[in-house]
Amino acid sequence: MLKLLPLCLILFALGCAHAGPDRLTREQTDIRLDLAERYLLEGEPRLALEQLRTAARAAPHNPRLHFNLGLAYTALEEWENAADSFKQAIKFRADYGEAWNNLGQVRMAQGRPDHARQAYKQALAQKEYMTPEFAAYNLASLYYGQDELEEALKYAQESFRKNRRFGPGYVLAGRIHREKRMYAKALHTFEQGVRARPDSTQLTLLLAEELVRSGRINEARQWFNRVIEIDDESSEAQMAEYYLEALR
């Protein structure tokens, strides 16, 4: 993905373009895409669509364009249009892992988990996919929602093997260990998570809670205090203060 230009430069460049929308140069098309991505970041999907539809007439085979169309339609909850756009992105670039993952998200929103599962697995199969932890986590969440805990655990663990700093994977894996009454493994997973993400109030609180369950109260107090140190205004800090009061 191209680096986004400052909005003022994008608008200036568009103002200097004299070609009609069907005769945009590649540079002018990229400017339209940059502007659309800027609008998406600013939560303006309809403005993004205006730019993308103009660019589409000049570059109908551009996978980046169709991916951004998918994002815009997703923001508008136009699920079928979003799905069609992500599929078009994949048609023109079969190894587009982000598009496969987002197609899975759309299929989940449509209540089609079997199709979502296939899309997530396709995302994970792409060697050039730069953020596979998201597809792995989404797949884990899907299996977790279907009470398939072994598969959910496998993919939750895969998510943080793909990216050791991916906090949500540790959270889900630890919680699954808890549900399976594998408390020592839950504790180990939360310890791993805190080492990888020492700034996470959620993982730190989960670790402290697990230490309480293990009877290691003094260690738990230290971690509850750590939660408050990280962010004393967070909901996790409020819970940590409650625990500390109860443990006096």
Foldseek 3Di string as FASTA:
>chain_A
DDDADPPVVLVVVVVPDDDALQPDDPVVLVSLLSVLVVCLVVLNLVVSVVSLVSSCNNPVQALSSLQSQLSSCVSVVVLVSNLVSLVSSCVSPVLALVSLQVNLVSCVVVVNNVSSLVSLVSSCVRPPNPQNLSSLQVNLVSCVVVVVLVSSLVSLVVSCVSPVQPQVSLVSNLVSCVVVVVLVVSLVSLVSNCVSPVLDLVSLLSNLVSCVVVVVNVVSLVSLVSSCVSPVPDPSVVVSVVVVVVSD
